[in-house]
N, C-alpha and C. Protein backbone atom coordinates (compact mmCIF):
# COMPACT_ATOMS: atom_id res chain seq x y z
N MET A 1 56.34 9.41 -34.52
CA MET A 1 57.04 8.55 -35.45
C MET A 1 58.13 9.35 -36.14
N THR A 2 59.32 8.81 -36.14
CA THR A 2 60.45 9.43 -36.81
C THR A 2 60.41 9.05 -38.29
N THR A 3 60.75 10.01 -39.17
CA THR A 3 60.70 9.75 -40.60
C THR A 3 61.99 10.19 -41.28
N ILE A 4 62.21 9.65 -42.48
CA ILE A 4 63.31 10.05 -43.34
C ILE A 4 62.83 10.01 -44.77
N LYS A 5 63.28 10.95 -45.58
CA LYS A 5 62.91 10.95 -46.99
C LYS A 5 63.67 9.82 -47.70
N LYS A 6 62.99 9.17 -48.62
CA LYS A 6 63.58 8.06 -49.36
C LYS A 6 64.89 8.47 -50.04
N SER A 7 64.92 9.65 -50.65
CA SER A 7 66.12 10.11 -51.36
C SER A 7 67.30 10.28 -50.41
N GLU A 8 67.05 10.78 -49.21
CA GLU A 8 68.11 10.94 -48.22
C GLU A 8 68.66 9.59 -47.80
N LEU A 9 67.77 8.64 -47.56
CA LEU A 9 68.19 7.31 -47.16
C LEU A 9 69.01 6.63 -48.25
N MET A 10 68.60 6.78 -49.49
CA MET A 10 69.33 6.17 -50.60
C MET A 10 70.73 6.75 -50.72
N ARG A 11 70.90 8.05 -50.45
CA ARG A 11 72.24 8.65 -50.45
C ARG A 11 73.10 8.04 -49.36
N GLU A 12 72.51 7.82 -48.18
CA GLU A 12 73.25 7.23 -47.06
C GLU A 12 73.72 5.81 -47.35
N LEU A 13 72.96 5.09 -48.16
CA LEU A 13 73.32 3.71 -48.47
C LEU A 13 74.60 3.61 -49.30
N GLY A 14 74.91 4.64 -50.06
CA GLY A 14 76.10 4.61 -50.89
C GLY A 14 75.84 3.86 -52.19
N GLY A 15 76.94 3.39 -52.79
CA GLY A 15 76.85 2.75 -54.10
C GLY A 15 76.22 1.37 -54.06
N PHE A 16 75.52 1.05 -55.14
CA PHE A 16 74.89 -0.25 -55.31
C PHE A 16 75.95 -1.30 -55.62
N LEU A 17 75.82 -2.49 -54.99
CA LEU A 17 76.77 -3.56 -55.22
C LEU A 17 76.17 -4.76 -55.95
N ARG A 18 75.01 -5.25 -55.49
CA ARG A 18 74.41 -6.44 -56.12
C ARG A 18 72.95 -6.61 -55.68
N VAL A 19 72.27 -7.50 -56.38
CA VAL A 19 70.89 -7.85 -56.04
C VAL A 19 70.76 -9.37 -56.04
N GLU A 20 69.96 -9.88 -55.10
CA GLU A 20 69.69 -11.31 -55.01
C GLU A 20 68.22 -11.52 -54.71
N ASN A 21 67.64 -12.57 -55.29
CA ASN A 21 66.27 -12.95 -54.93
C ASN A 21 66.29 -13.58 -53.55
N LEU A 22 65.24 -13.33 -52.76
CA LEU A 22 65.08 -14.02 -51.49
C LEU A 22 64.68 -15.46 -51.77
N GLU A 23 64.93 -16.34 -50.81
CA GLU A 23 64.51 -17.73 -50.94
C GLU A 23 62.99 -17.80 -50.78
N SER A 24 62.36 -18.70 -51.53
CA SER A 24 60.91 -18.85 -51.43
C SER A 24 60.52 -19.35 -50.05
N ARG A 25 59.27 -19.13 -49.68
CA ARG A 25 58.79 -19.53 -48.35
C ARG A 25 58.84 -21.03 -48.15
N ASN A 26 58.69 -21.79 -49.23
CA ASN A 26 58.73 -23.25 -49.09
C ASN A 26 60.15 -23.79 -49.22
N GLY A 27 61.12 -22.90 -49.40
CA GLY A 27 62.52 -23.31 -49.47
C GLY A 27 62.94 -23.93 -50.78
N CYS A 28 62.08 -23.86 -51.78
CA CYS A 28 62.37 -24.46 -53.09
C CYS A 28 62.65 -23.37 -54.11
N GLY A 29 63.85 -22.85 -54.11
CA GLY A 29 64.22 -21.86 -55.11
C GLY A 29 64.01 -20.43 -54.65
N SER A 30 64.03 -19.55 -55.63
CA SER A 30 63.92 -18.12 -55.38
C SER A 30 62.47 -17.67 -55.33
N ALA A 31 62.22 -16.68 -54.51
CA ALA A 31 60.89 -16.07 -54.44
C ALA A 31 60.78 -15.06 -55.56
N PRO A 32 59.76 -15.19 -56.40
CA PRO A 32 59.61 -14.20 -57.46
C PRO A 32 59.28 -12.83 -56.88
N ASN A 33 59.94 -11.82 -57.41
CA ASN A 33 59.64 -10.42 -57.07
C ASN A 33 59.98 -10.01 -55.64
N GLN A 34 60.82 -10.78 -54.94
CA GLN A 34 61.24 -10.45 -53.58
C GLN A 34 62.78 -10.40 -53.58
N PHE A 35 63.35 -9.21 -53.34
CA PHE A 35 64.77 -9.02 -53.55
C PHE A 35 65.47 -8.39 -52.35
N GLU A 36 66.75 -8.72 -52.18
CA GLU A 36 67.62 -7.98 -51.27
C GLU A 36 68.69 -7.32 -52.13
N LEU A 37 68.78 -6.00 -52.01
CA LEU A 37 69.79 -5.23 -52.72
C LEU A 37 70.89 -4.87 -51.73
N THR A 38 72.12 -5.10 -52.12
CA THR A 38 73.26 -4.80 -51.26
C THR A 38 73.91 -3.50 -51.73
N PHE A 39 74.12 -2.60 -50.78
CA PHE A 39 74.78 -1.32 -51.05
C PHE A 39 76.04 -1.23 -50.19
N GLU A 40 76.82 -0.20 -50.39
CA GLU A 40 78.06 -0.01 -49.63
C GLU A 40 77.83 0.01 -48.12
N HIS A 41 76.71 0.59 -47.67
CA HIS A 41 76.50 0.80 -46.24
C HIS A 41 75.25 0.13 -45.68
N GLY A 42 74.66 -0.79 -46.45
CA GLY A 42 73.47 -1.46 -45.93
C GLY A 42 72.76 -2.31 -46.96
N TYR A 43 71.56 -2.72 -46.59
CA TYR A 43 70.77 -3.65 -47.38
C TYR A 43 69.33 -3.14 -47.53
N VAL A 44 68.74 -3.40 -48.68
CA VAL A 44 67.37 -2.99 -48.97
C VAL A 44 66.55 -4.23 -49.27
N PHE A 45 65.34 -4.30 -48.69
CA PHE A 45 64.38 -5.31 -49.08
C PHE A 45 63.40 -4.64 -50.02
N GLN A 46 63.25 -5.24 -51.21
CA GLN A 46 62.36 -4.69 -52.22
C GLN A 46 61.38 -5.78 -52.64
N SER A 47 60.10 -5.44 -52.69
CA SER A 47 59.07 -6.34 -53.18
C SER A 47 58.53 -5.74 -54.48
N TYR A 48 58.60 -6.51 -55.55
CA TYR A 48 58.32 -6.00 -56.88
C TYR A 48 59.21 -4.79 -57.10
N ARG A 49 58.66 -3.61 -57.28
CA ARG A 49 59.48 -2.40 -57.48
C ARG A 49 59.40 -1.45 -56.29
N SER A 50 58.87 -1.93 -55.19
CA SER A 50 58.66 -1.07 -54.01
C SER A 50 59.71 -1.31 -52.94
N LEU A 51 60.30 -0.23 -52.46
CA LEU A 51 61.23 -0.30 -51.33
C LEU A 51 60.41 -0.57 -50.07
N VAL A 52 60.75 -1.64 -49.37
CA VAL A 52 59.98 -2.05 -48.19
C VAL A 52 60.74 -1.78 -46.90
N GLY A 53 62.02 -2.12 -46.87
CA GLY A 53 62.80 -1.94 -45.66
C GLY A 53 64.27 -1.72 -45.97
N VAL A 54 64.97 -1.11 -45.01
CA VAL A 54 66.40 -0.86 -45.13
C VAL A 54 67.06 -1.19 -43.80
N LYS A 55 68.15 -1.94 -43.87
CA LYS A 55 68.99 -2.21 -42.70
C LYS A 55 70.36 -1.61 -42.99
N MET A 56 70.77 -0.64 -42.17
CA MET A 56 72.08 -0.03 -42.35
C MET A 56 73.12 -0.83 -41.59
N ASP A 57 74.35 -0.78 -42.05
CA ASP A 57 75.45 -1.50 -41.39
C ASP A 57 75.64 -1.06 -39.94
N ASP A 58 75.25 0.18 -39.62
CA ASP A 58 75.41 0.67 -38.25
C ASP A 58 74.27 0.24 -37.32
N GLY A 59 73.33 -0.60 -37.82
CA GLY A 59 72.27 -1.14 -36.99
C GLY A 59 70.92 -0.45 -37.11
N ARG A 60 70.88 0.71 -37.74
CA ARG A 60 69.59 1.40 -37.91
C ARG A 60 68.71 0.62 -38.87
N ILE A 61 67.40 0.68 -38.62
CA ILE A 61 66.44 -0.02 -39.48
C ILE A 61 65.30 0.92 -39.85
N PHE A 62 64.81 0.77 -41.08
CA PHE A 62 63.81 1.66 -41.66
C PHE A 62 62.76 0.81 -42.37
N PHE A 63 61.51 1.26 -42.31
CA PHE A 63 60.44 0.57 -43.03
C PHE A 63 59.57 1.59 -43.75
N SER A 64 59.12 1.22 -44.95
CA SER A 64 58.14 2.04 -45.66
C SER A 64 56.75 1.53 -45.32
N GLY A 65 55.75 2.20 -45.81
CA GLY A 65 54.38 1.76 -45.60
C GLY A 65 54.08 0.42 -46.26
N TYR A 66 54.94 -0.03 -47.14
CA TYR A 66 54.74 -1.31 -47.82
C TYR A 66 55.07 -2.50 -46.93
N HIS A 67 55.66 -2.28 -45.76
CA HIS A 67 56.08 -3.41 -44.92
C HIS A 67 54.91 -4.27 -44.48
N ASP A 68 53.70 -3.71 -44.52
CA ASP A 68 52.52 -4.51 -44.14
C ASP A 68 51.36 -4.32 -45.13
N CYS A 69 51.69 -4.10 -46.40
CA CYS A 69 50.62 -3.82 -47.39
C CYS A 69 49.92 -5.09 -47.87
N SER A 70 50.56 -6.25 -47.74
CA SER A 70 49.92 -7.51 -48.12
C SER A 70 50.50 -8.61 -47.26
N ASN A 71 49.80 -9.72 -47.17
CA ASN A 71 50.30 -10.85 -46.38
C ASN A 71 51.63 -11.36 -46.92
N THR A 72 51.75 -11.41 -48.25
CA THR A 72 52.98 -11.91 -48.86
C THR A 72 54.16 -10.99 -48.55
N THR A 73 54.01 -9.70 -48.83
CA THR A 73 55.11 -8.76 -48.58
C THR A 73 55.44 -8.70 -47.10
N SER A 74 54.44 -8.67 -46.25
CA SER A 74 54.67 -8.63 -44.81
C SER A 74 55.43 -9.87 -44.34
N GLY A 75 55.06 -11.03 -44.87
CA GLY A 75 55.74 -12.26 -44.49
C GLY A 75 57.20 -12.28 -44.91
N TYR A 76 57.47 -11.88 -46.15
CA TYR A 76 58.87 -11.83 -46.61
C TYR A 76 59.66 -10.76 -45.86
N CYS A 77 59.02 -9.64 -45.56
CA CYS A 77 59.69 -8.60 -44.79
C CYS A 77 60.09 -9.14 -43.42
N GLY A 78 59.18 -9.86 -42.79
CA GLY A 78 59.48 -10.46 -41.49
C GLY A 78 60.65 -11.43 -41.53
N ARG A 79 60.68 -12.25 -42.57
CA ARG A 79 61.79 -13.19 -42.73
C ARG A 79 63.10 -12.43 -42.99
N TRP A 80 63.02 -11.35 -43.75
CA TRP A 80 64.21 -10.58 -44.10
C TRP A 80 64.80 -9.86 -42.89
N CYS A 81 63.94 -9.23 -42.09
CA CYS A 81 64.45 -8.40 -40.98
C CYS A 81 64.43 -9.10 -39.62
N GLY A 82 63.64 -10.17 -39.49
CA GLY A 82 63.57 -10.88 -38.22
C GLY A 82 62.50 -10.40 -37.26
N TYR A 83 61.62 -9.50 -37.73
CA TYR A 83 60.55 -8.96 -36.88
C TYR A 83 59.20 -9.18 -37.54
N ASP A 84 58.22 -9.67 -36.78
CA ASP A 84 56.88 -9.82 -37.34
C ASP A 84 56.24 -8.44 -37.50
N CYS A 85 55.09 -8.41 -38.17
CA CYS A 85 54.42 -7.15 -38.50
C CYS A 85 54.06 -6.35 -37.25
N LYS A 86 53.53 -7.00 -36.24
CA LYS A 86 53.16 -6.31 -35.00
C LYS A 86 54.37 -5.64 -34.36
N THR A 87 55.49 -6.34 -34.35
CA THR A 87 56.72 -5.79 -33.78
C THR A 87 57.23 -4.62 -34.62
N ARG A 88 57.17 -4.75 -35.94
CA ARG A 88 57.61 -3.64 -36.81
C ARG A 88 56.78 -2.39 -36.57
N ARG A 89 55.46 -2.55 -36.43
CA ARG A 89 54.59 -1.40 -36.15
C ARG A 89 54.97 -0.75 -34.82
N LYS A 90 55.24 -1.57 -33.81
CA LYS A 90 55.63 -1.04 -32.51
C LYS A 90 56.97 -0.32 -32.60
N MET A 91 57.92 -0.90 -33.34
CA MET A 91 59.23 -0.27 -33.52
C MET A 91 59.09 1.11 -34.17
N LEU A 92 58.22 1.21 -35.17
CA LEU A 92 57.99 2.51 -35.82
C LEU A 92 57.36 3.50 -34.84
N ALA A 93 56.44 3.03 -34.03
CA ALA A 93 55.75 3.90 -33.09
C ALA A 93 56.66 4.41 -31.98
N ASP A 94 57.57 3.55 -31.51
CA ASP A 94 58.42 3.96 -30.38
C ASP A 94 59.81 4.46 -30.79
N GLY A 95 60.07 4.56 -32.09
CA GLY A 95 61.32 5.16 -32.55
C GLY A 95 62.48 4.20 -32.74
N ARG A 96 62.27 2.91 -32.51
CA ARG A 96 63.37 1.95 -32.75
C ARG A 96 63.59 1.74 -34.24
N ALA A 97 62.59 2.06 -35.05
CA ALA A 97 62.70 2.03 -36.50
C ALA A 97 62.19 3.36 -37.03
N VAL A 98 62.65 3.71 -38.23
CA VAL A 98 62.30 4.99 -38.84
C VAL A 98 61.44 4.73 -40.08
N TYR A 99 60.40 5.56 -40.25
CA TYR A 99 59.49 5.43 -41.37
C TYR A 99 60.07 6.13 -42.60
N ILE A 100 60.05 5.43 -43.73
CA ILE A 100 60.56 5.98 -44.99
C ILE A 100 59.43 6.72 -45.70
N GLU A 101 59.63 8.01 -45.93
CA GLU A 101 58.66 8.84 -46.64
C GLU A 101 58.88 8.75 -48.13
N GLU A 102 57.82 8.45 -48.86
CA GLU A 102 57.88 8.51 -50.32
C GLU A 102 57.89 9.97 -50.73
N GLU A 103 58.50 10.26 -51.85
CA GLU A 103 58.55 11.66 -52.32
C GLU A 103 57.80 11.83 -53.60
């Protein structure tokens, strides 16, 4: 499994631009505590205060251990990135995605 330190990844993202709530699963308003943060060079999915996933503008994708920590977070992560939990685990195992190390 390929890894990257969270601090290194945050430097690569560049400056923060904005934050938006994700749409709720039932399509009625915003999902509480589920956010997409936009940076100069990519996007972050955050659940509560935990960094869950990162999509860089160059196509690279990263997931933390939180990507499958609960059914709710896993479901929103899947909607955000387009990959179900099983696929995300396989991507991390085969190197198509990089694991974010907490520091």
